[in-house]
């Protein structure tokens, strides 16, 4: 009967046993790793992949201390519209009293004040303003009445009571303060120069119902200055 060598099988068994033990150890290690619980807070945070940086908007820059502030002045408040003052009545210029006087004449714009006396050429030559009446003309009318209140006086002789009359302007006021009657106002409407011959139309106007005034004086020997006006009060 042939002999068997006993060491061979024993080595094989030993090797197998070693492999078995090694496999169990490996399996135990793997099992122990799977069974180990993870404690909260022990895990490290996982960093997210870095994203490209977004450029920040530039912050507003405050003016430096060296900058000079510009102050815009507010527009001045609108001035209130001026109220139109009521027209002031011109003050009459005092006239010296004259014998036979029926009224006082005043032209404030000329600084002229004269007494008015009724009469004709002889009264004019006395050097006073005359409420004229004469042959060939209509009878004189009272101041302020319908018709023409006709006054005449010298310009450069006989005391020159109408010396300032050539300076009168259209629109000037002529005030007549009749004795014992309210003041009457006329306003100059025109000034004209005529010859020594005047017509009814020139003296009295186109009608006999309007209350008018006529101031007459000489301009040399060949001309007469006529100042026309109408009543305004």
C-alpha atoms as a PDB file:
ATOM      1  CA  UNK A   1       0.000   0.000   0.000  1.00  0.00           C
ATOM      2  CA  UNK A   2       1.550   3.258  -0.935  1.00  0.00           C
ATOM      3  CA  UNK A   3       2.347   5.794   1.872  1.00  0.00           C
ATOM      4  CA  UNK A   4       0.581   9.281   1.971  1.00  0.00           C
ATOM      5  CA  UNK A   5       2.643  12.422   2.919  1.00  0.00           C
ATOM      6  CA  UNK A   6       0.715  13.998   5.925  1.00  0.00           C
ATOM      7  CA  UNK A   7       2.315  17.543   5.808  1.00  0.00           C
ATOM      8  CA  UNK A   8       0.746  18.507   2.488  1.00  0.00           C
ATOM      9  CA  UNK A   9      -2.878  18.291   3.540  1.00  0.00           C
ATOM     10  CA  UNK A  10      -2.075  19.976   6.830  1.00  0.00           C
ATOM     11  CA  UNK A  11      -0.497  22.966   5.055  1.00  0.00           C
ATOM     12  CA  UNK A  12      -3.461  23.266   2.759  1.00  0.00           C
ATOM     13  CA  UNK A  13      -5.838  23.229   5.711  1.00  0.00           C
ATOM     14  CA  UNK A  14      -3.726  25.826   7.488  1.00  0.00           C
ATOM     15  CA  UNK A  15      -3.741  28.064   4.467  1.00  0.00           C
ATOM     16  CA  UNK A  16      -7.495  27.705   4.083  1.00  0.00           C
ATOM     17  CA  UNK A  17      -8.010  28.440   7.751  1.00  0.00           C
ATOM     18  CA  UNK A  18      -5.849  31.531   7.470  1.00  0.00           C
ATOM     19  CA  UNK A  19      -7.792  32.763   4.451  1.00  0.00           C
ATOM     20  CA  UNK A  20     -11.068  32.139   6.279  1.00  0.00           C
ATOM     21  CA  UNK A  21      -9.935  34.044   9.322  1.00  0.00           C
ATOM     22  CA  UNK A  22      -8.658  36.918   7.130  1.00  0.00           C
ATOM     23  CA  UNK A  23     -11.993  37.112   5.259  1.00  0.00           C
ATOM     24  CA  UNK A  24     -13.948  37.225   8.471  1.00  0.00           C
ATOM     25  CA  UNK A  25     -11.748  40.003   9.769  1.00  0.00           C
ATOM     26  CA  UNK A  26     -12.243  42.001   6.567  1.00  0.00           C
ATOM     27  CA  UNK A  27     -15.995  41.425   6.691  1.00  0.00           C
ATOM     28  CA  UNK A  28     -16.110  42.543  10.337  1.00  0.00           C
ATOM     29  CA  UNK A  29     -14.215  45.699   9.602  1.00  0.00           C
ATOM     30  CA  UNK A  30     -16.571  46.567   6.753  1.00  0.00           C
ATOM     31  CA  UNK A  31     -19.603  45.791   8.904  1.00  0.00           C
ATOM     32  CA  UNK A  32     -18.285  47.857  11.742  1.00  0.00           C
ATOM     33  CA  UNK A  33     -17.831  50.824   9.371  1.00  0.00           C
ATOM     34  CA  UNK A  34     -21.418  50.576   8.163  1.00  0.00           C
ATOM     35  CA  UNK A  35     -22.846  50.316  11.641  1.00  0.00           C
ATOM     36  CA  UNK A  36     -21.031  53.287  13.142  1.00  0.00           C
ATOM     37  CA  UNK A  37     -23.586  56.209  13.554  1.00  0.00           C
ATOM     38  CA  UNK A  38     -22.640  59.758  12.443  1.00  0.00           C
ATOM     39  CA  UNK A  39     -22.845  62.302  15.223  1.00  0.00           C
ATOM     40  CA  UNK A  40     -24.646  65.646  14.517  1.00  0.00           C
ATOM     41  CA  UNK A  41     -22.204  68.448  14.256  1.00  0.00           C
ATOM     42  CA  UNK A  42     -19.296  66.184  13.614  1.00  0.00           C
ATOM     43  CA  UNK A  43     -19.669  66.466   9.864  1.00  0.00           C
ATOM     44  CA  UNK A  44     -17.724  69.210   8.178  1.00  0.00           C
ATOM     45  CA  UNK A  45     -19.671  71.625   5.959  1.00  0.00           C
ATOM     46  CA  UNK A  46     -19.289  70.985   2.330  1.00  0.00           C
ATOM     47  CA  UNK A  47     -18.111  74.060   0.508  1.00  0.00           C
ATOM     48  CA  UNK A  48     -20.200  74.984  -2.558  1.00  0.00           C
ATOM     49  CA  UNK A  49     -18.296  75.495  -5.716  1.00  0.00           C
ATOM     50  CA  UNK A  50     -17.118  79.075  -5.985  1.00  0.00           C
ATOM     51  CA  UNK A  51     -19.282  81.165  -8.327  1.00  0.00           C
ATOM     52  CA  UNK A  52     -17.918  84.069 -10.345  1.00  0.00           C
ATOM     53  CA  UNK A  53     -17.940  87.265  -8.239  1.00  0.00           C
ATOM     54  CA  UNK A  54     -20.631  89.865  -9.164  1.00  0.00           C
ATOM     55  CA  UNK A  55     -19.174  93.359  -9.252  1.00  0.00           C
ATOM     56  CA  UNK A  56     -20.760  95.487  -6.494  1.00  0.00           C
ATOM     57  CA  UNK A  57     -22.505  98.742  -7.448  1.00  0.00           C
ATOM     58  CA  UNK A  58     -20.356 101.717  -6.562  1.00  0.00           C
ATOM     59  CA  UNK A  59     -21.551 103.499  -3.448  1.00  0.00           C
ATOM     60  CA  UNK A  60     -22.608 107.156  -3.909  1.00  0.00           C
ATOM     61  CA  UNK A  61     -19.761 109.452  -3.227  1.00  0.00           C
ATOM     62  CA  UNK A  62     -20.371 112.236  -0.712  1.00  0.00           C
ATOM     63  CA  UNK A  63     -19.076 115.655  -1.743  1.00  0.00           C
ATOM     64  CA  UNK A  64     -15.695 116.321  -0.272  1.00  0.00           C
ATOM     65  CA  UNK A  65     -15.134 119.077   2.222  1.00  0.00           C
ATOM     66  CA  UNK A  66     -13.404 121.164  -0.413  1.00  0.00           C
ATOM     67  CA  UNK A  67     -16.441 121.311  -2.719  1.00  0.00           C
ATOM     68  CA  UNK A  68     -18.367 124.576  -2.639  1.00  0.00           C
ATOM     69  CA  UNK A  69     -22.121 124.292  -2.368  1.00  0.00           C
ATOM     70  CA  UNK A  70     -24.028 126.455  -4.848  1.00  0.00           C
ATOM     71  CA  UNK A  71     -27.102 128.123  -3.414  1.00  0.00           C
ATOM     72  CA  UNK A  72     -29.809 129.060  -5.896  1.00  0.00           C
ATOM     73  CA  UNK A  73     -31.620 132.120  -4.675  1.00  0.00           C
ATOM     74  CA  UNK A  74     -35.379 131.805  -4.656  1.00  0.00           C
ATOM     75  CA  UNK A  75     -37.138 134.289  -6.948  1.00  0.00           C
ATOM     76  CA  UNK A  76     -38.435 137.300  -5.065  1.00  0.00           C
ATOM     77  CA  UNK A  77     -42.142 137.220  -4.316  1.00  0.00           C
ATOM     78  CA  UNK A  78     -44.257 138.956  -6.889  1.00  0.00           C
ATOM     79  CA  UNK A  79     -45.053 142.454  -5.849  1.00  0.00           C
ATOM     80  CA  UNK A  80     -48.749 143.043  -5.363  1.00  0.00           C
ATOM     81  CA  UNK A  81     -50.381 144.943  -8.165  1.00  0.00           C
ATOM     82  CA  UNK A  82     -50.455 148.609  -7.246  1.00  0.00           C
ATOM     83  CA  UNK A  83     -53.925 149.882  -6.586  1.00  0.00           C
ATOM     84  CA  UNK A  84     -54.931 152.703  -8.809  1.00  0.00           C
ATOM     85  CA  UNK A  85     -55.352 155.780  -6.725  1.00  0.00           C
ATOM     86  CA  UNK A  86     -58.527 157.723  -7.094  1.00  0.00           C
ATOM     87  CA  UNK A  87     -58.008 160.909  -9.088  1.00  0.00           C
ATOM     88  CA  UNK A  88     -57.343 163.854  -6.847  1.00  0.00           C
ATOM     89  CA  UNK A  89     -59.323 166.952  -7.610  1.00  0.00           C
ATOM     90  CA  UNK A  90     -56.963 169.785  -8.593  1.00  0.00           C
ATOM     91  CA  UNK A  91     -56.842 172.615  -6.145  1.00  0.00           C
ATOM     92  CA  UNK A  92     -58.094 175.919  -7.592  1.00  0.00           C
ATOM     93  CA  UNK A  93     -55.682 178.828  -7.710  1.00  0.00           C
ATOM     94  CA  UNK A  94     -56.892 181.726  -5.629  1.00  0.00           C
ATOM     95  CA  UNK A  95     -57.848 184.826  -7.599  1.00  0.00           C
ATOM     96  CA  UNK A  96     -57.791 188.392  -6.245  1.00  0.00           C
ATOM     97  CA  UNK A  97     -61.192 189.917  -5.699  1.00  0.00           C
ATOM     98  CA  UNK A  98     -62.298 192.472  -8.289  1.00  0.00           C
ATOM     99  CA  UNK A  99     -65.181 194.908  -8.276  1.00  0.00           C
ATOM    100  CA  UNK A 100     -68.173 193.523 -10.151  1.00  0.00           C
ATOM    101  CA  UNK A 101     -66.779 189.972 -10.034  1.00  0.00           C
ATOM    102  CA  UNK A 102     -69.232 187.190 -10.917  1.00  0.00           C
ATOM    103  CA  UNK A 103     -66.884 184.190 -10.637  1.00  0.00           C
ATOM    104  CA  UNK A 104     -63.300 183.025 -10.217  1.00  0.00           C
ATOM    105  CA  UNK A 105     -61.357 181.242 -12.967  1.00  0.00           C
ATOM    106  CA  UNK A 106     -58.647 178.702 -12.100  1.00  0.00           C
ATOM    107  CA  UNK A 107     -56.422 176.600 -14.366  1.00  0.00           C
ATOM    108  CA  UNK A 108     -54.319 174.466 -11.973  1.00  0.00           C
ATOM    109  CA  UNK A 109     -51.957 173.133 -14.674  1.00  0.00           C
ATOM    110  CA  UNK A 110     -50.900 176.713 -15.465  1.00  0.00           C
ATOM    111  CA  UNK A 111     -51.001 178.066 -11.927  1.00  0.00           C
ATOM    112  CA  UNK A 112     -53.478 180.614 -13.198  1.00  0.00           C
ATOM    113  CA  UNK A 113     -56.164 182.207 -11.042  1.00  0.00           C
ATOM    114  CA  UNK A 114     -58.212 185.231 -12.112  1.00  0.00           C
ATOM    115  CA  UNK A 115     -61.418 187.002 -11.286  1.00  0.00           C
ATOM    116  CA  UNK A 116     -64.145 186.992 -13.934  1.00  0.00           C
ATOM    117  CA  UNK A 117     -66.140 190.164 -14.597  1.00  0.00           C
ATOM    118  CA  UNK A 118     -68.985 190.495 -17.153  1.00  0.00           C
ATOM    119  CA  UNK A 119     -68.531 193.100 -19.889  1.00  0.00           C
ATOM    120  CA  UNK A 120     -67.235 193.916 -23.344  1.00  0.00           C
ATOM    121  CA  UNK A 121     -64.087 195.345 -24.885  1.00  0.00           C
ATOM    122  CA  UNK A 122     -63.815 198.133 -22.308  1.00  0.00           C
ATOM    123  CA  UNK A 123     -63.773 195.544 -19.484  1.00  0.00           C
ATOM    124  CA  UNK A 124     -61.122 193.533 -21.332  1.00  0.00           C
ATOM    125  CA  UNK A 125     -58.990 196.645 -21.528  1.00  0.00           C
ATOM    126  CA  UNK A 126     -59.263 197.056 -17.763  1.00  0.00           C
ATOM    127  CA  UNK A 127     -56.937 194.074 -17.549  1.00  0.00           C
ATOM    128  CA  UNK A 128     -59.384 191.515 -16.176  1.00  0.00           C
ATOM    129  CA  UNK A 129     -60.802 188.289 -17.536  1.00  0.00           C
ATOM    130  CA  UNK A 130     -64.104 189.240 -19.096  1.00  0.00           C
ATOM    131  CA  UNK A 131     -67.286 187.215 -19.533  1.00  0.00           C
ATOM    132  CA  UNK A 132     -67.732 188.681 -22.974  1.00  0.00           C
ATOM    133  CA  UNK A 133     -70.836 190.081 -24.572  1.00  0.00           C
ATOM    134  CA  UNK A 134     -70.999 192.326 -27.632  1.00  0.00           C
ATOM    135  CA  UNK A 135     -73.053 193.443 -30.597  1.00  0.00           C
ATOM    136  CA  UNK A 136     -73.741 190.736 -33.160  1.00  0.00           C
ATOM    137  CA  UNK A 137     -73.147 187.858 -30.779  1.00  0.00           C
ATOM    138  CA  UNK A 138     -75.517 185.697 -28.799  1.00  0.00           C
ATOM    139  CA  UNK A 139     -76.451 186.788 -25.292  1.00  0.00           C
ATOM    140  CA  UNK A 140     -74.012 185.506 -22.671  1.00  0.00           C
ATOM    141  CA  UNK A 141     -74.888 182.331 -20.776  1.00  0.00           C
ATOM    142  CA  UNK A 142     -74.147 181.527 -17.151  1.00  0.00           C
ATOM    143  CA  UNK A 143     -71.251 179.232 -16.272  1.00  0.00           C
ATOM    144  CA  UNK A 144     -72.282 175.585 -16.626  1.00  0.00           C
ATOM    145  CA  UNK A 145     -75.447 176.378 -18.627  1.00  0.00           C
ATOM    146  CA  UNK A 146     -76.044 175.003 -22.142  1.00  0.00           C
ATOM    147  CA  UNK A 147     -74.187 177.102 -24.686  1.00  0.00           C
ATOM    148  CA  UNK A 148     -70.754 178.767 -24.614  1.00  0.00           C
ATOM    149  CA  UNK A 149     -69.342 180.480 -21.547  1.00  0.00           C
ATOM    150  CA  UNK A 150     -67.056 182.920 -23.391  1.00  0.00           C
ATOM    151  CA  UNK A 151     -64.119 184.485 -21.532  1.00  0.00           C
ATOM    152  CA  UNK A 152     -61.621 186.897 -23.086  1.00  0.00           C
ATOM    153  CA  UNK A 153     -58.514 188.686 -21.794  1.00  0.00           C
ATOM    154  CA  UNK A 154     -55.233 190.189 -22.967  1.00  0.00           C
ATOM    155  CA  UNK A 155     -52.122 188.055 -23.358  1.00  0.00           C
ATOM    156  CA  UNK A 156     -49.264 190.555 -23.232  1.00  0.00           C
ATOM    157  CA  UNK A 157     -50.742 193.970 -22.415  1.00  0.00           C
ATOM    158  CA  UNK A 158     -53.146 195.482 -19.891  1.00  0.00           C
ATOM    159  CA  UNK A 159     -51.787 193.385 -17.048  1.00  0.00           C
ATOM    160  CA  UNK A 160     -51.645 190.213 -19.242  1.00  0.00           C
ATOM    161  CA  UNK A 161     -54.121 188.121 -17.248  1.00  0.00           C
ATOM    162  CA  UNK A 162     -53.892 185.379 -19.901  1.00  0.00           C
ATOM    163  CA  UNK A 163     -50.074 185.462 -20.187  1.00  0.00           C
ATOM    164  CA  UNK A 164     -49.816 181.710 -19.390  1.00  0.00           C
ATOM    165  CA  UNK A 165     -52.692 180.615 -21.630  1.00  0.00           C
ATOM    166  CA  UNK A 166     -50.521 179.662 -24.691  1.00  0.00           C
ATOM    167  CA  UNK A 167     -49.021 176.869 -22.552  1.00  0.00           C
ATOM    168  CA  UNK A 168     -52.319 175.110 -21.966  1.00  0.00           C
ATOM    169  CA  UNK A 169     -52.706 171.481 -23.136  1.00  0.00           C
ATOM    170  CA  UNK A 170     -55.635 169.448 -24.336  1.00  0.00           C
ATOM    171  CA  UNK A 171     -57.094 167.641 -21.318  1.00  0.00           C
ATOM    172  CA  UNK A 172     -56.345 170.433 -18.847  1.00  0.00           C
ATOM    173  CA  UNK A 173     -59.072 171.326 -16.372  1.00  0.00           C
ATOM    174  CA  UNK A 174     -60.633 174.766 -16.182  1.00  0.00           C
ATOM    175  CA  UNK A 175     -62.436 175.471 -12.917  1.00  0.00           C
ATOM    176  CA  UNK A 176     -65.128 178.129 -12.571  1.00  0.00           C
ATOM    177  CA  UNK A 177     -66.230 179.014  -9.076  1.00  0.00           C
ATOM    178  CA  UNK A 178     -69.300 181.155  -9.606  1.00  0.00           C
ATOM    179  CA  UNK A 179     -70.380 183.329  -6.743  1.00  0.00           C
ATOM    180  CA  UNK A 180     -72.999 181.488  -4.701  1.00  0.00           C
ATOM    181  CA  UNK A 181     -72.871 178.346  -6.907  1.00  0.00           C
ATOM    182  CA  UNK A 182     -70.998 175.004  -6.821  1.00  0.00           C
ATOM    183  CA  UNK A 183     -67.701 174.710  -8.672  1.00  0.00           C
ATOM    184  CA  UNK A 184     -68.026 173.912 -12.367  1.00  0.00           C
ATOM    185  CA  UNK A 185     -65.362 172.004 -14.286  1.00  0.00           C
ATOM    186  CA  UNK A 186     -64.553 172.109 -17.952  1.00  0.00           C
ATOM    187  CA  UNK A 187     -61.907 170.069 -19.778  1.00  0.00           C
ATOM    188  CA  UNK A 188     -59.945 171.395 -22.729  1.00  0.00           C
ATOM    189  CA  UNK A 189     -60.820 169.587 -25.980  1.00  0.00           C
ATOM    190  CA  UNK A 190     -58.919 171.657 -28.559  1.00  0.00           C
ATOM    191  CA  UNK A 191     -56.735 174.697 -29.107  1.00  0.00           C
ATOM    192  CA  UNK A 192     -56.750 176.686 -32.356  1.00  0.00           C
ATOM    193  CA  UNK A 193     -55.520 179.935 -33.839  1.00  0.00           C
ATOM    194  CA  UNK A 194     -57.801 182.007 -36.049  1.00  0.00           C
ATOM    195  CA  UNK A 195     -57.760 185.464 -37.641  1.00  0.00           C
ATOM    196  CA  UNK A 196     -59.422 188.518 -36.260  1.00  0.00           C
ATOM    197  CA  UNK A 197     -62.735 187.412 -37.748  1.00  0.00           C
ATOM    198  CA  UNK A 198     -64.481 184.454 -36.080  1.00  0.00           C
ATOM    199  CA  UNK A 199     -67.710 182.713 -37.042  1.00  0.00           C
ATOM    200  CA  UNK A 200     -70.602 181.532 -34.924  1.00  0.00           C
ATOM    201  CA  UNK A 201     -69.468 177.958 -35.499  1.00  0.00           C
ATOM    202  CA  UNK A 202     -65.978 178.799 -34.248  1.00  0.00           C
ATOM    203  CA  UNK A 203     -67.248 180.440 -31.075  1.00  0.00           C
ATOM    204  CA  UNK A 204     -70.344 178.433 -30.194  1.00  0.00           C
ATOM    205  CA  UNK A 205     -69.672 175.008 -31.629  1.00  0.00           C
ATOM    206  CA  UNK A 206     -72.008 172.814 -33.673  1.00  0.00           C
ATOM    207  CA  UNK A 207     -74.943 172.977 -31.240  1.00  0.00           C
ATOM    208  CA  UNK A 208     -76.384 175.185 -28.525  1.00  0.00           C
ATOM    209  CA  UNK A 209     -77.260 172.416 -26.060  1.00  0.00           C
ATOM    210  CA  UNK A 210     -73.761 171.370 -24.944  1.00  0.00           C
ATOM    211  CA  UNK A 211     -72.234 173.197 -21.990  1.00  0.00           C
ATOM    212  CA  UNK A 212     -68.986 174.660 -23.368  1.00  0.00           C
ATOM    213  CA  UNK A 213     -66.275 177.134 -22.457  1.00  0.00           C
ATOM    214  CA  UNK A 214     -64.209 179.366 -24.736  1.00  0.00           C
ATOM    215  CA  UNK A 215     -61.062 181.185 -23.613  1.00  0.00           C
ATOM    216  CA  UNK A 216     -59.869 183.833 -26.071  1.00  0.00           C
ATOM    217  CA  UNK A 217     -56.679 185.885 -26.179  1.00  0.00           C
ATOM    218  CA  UNK A 218     -54.614 187.735 -28.777  1.00  0.00           C
ATOM    219  CA  UNK A 219     -51.573 186.371 -30.597  1.00  0.00           C
ATOM    220  CA  UNK A 220     -50.238 189.589 -32.055  1.00  0.00           C
ATOM    221  CA  UNK A 221     -52.486 191.953 -33.936  1.00  0.00           C
ATOM    222  CA  UNK A 222     -53.589 189.509 -36.659  1.00  0.00           C
ATOM    223  CA  UNK A 223     -54.441 186.301 -34.757  1.00  0.00           C
ATOM    224  CA  UNK A 224     -56.597 185.096 -31.920  1.00  0.00           C
ATOM    225  CA  UNK A 225     -55.990 181.979 -29.826  1.00  0.00           C
ATOM    226  CA  UNK A 226     -59.139 180.015 -28.970  1.00  0.00           C
ATOM    227  CA  UNK A 227     -59.212 177.330 -26.234  1.00  0.00           C
ATOM    228  CA  UNK A 228     -62.298 175.122 -26.379  1.00  0.00           C
ATOM    229  CA  UNK A 229     -63.606 172.908 -23.598  1.00  0.00           C
ATOM    230  CA  UNK A 230     -66.713 171.060 -22.460  1.00  0.00           C
ATOM    231  CA  UNK A 231     -68.237 170.627 -19.007  1.00  0.00           C
ATOM    232  CA  UNK A 232     -67.250 167.409 -17.204  1.00  0.00           C
ATOM    233  CA  UNK A 233     -69.186 167.598 -13.920  1.00  0.00           C
END
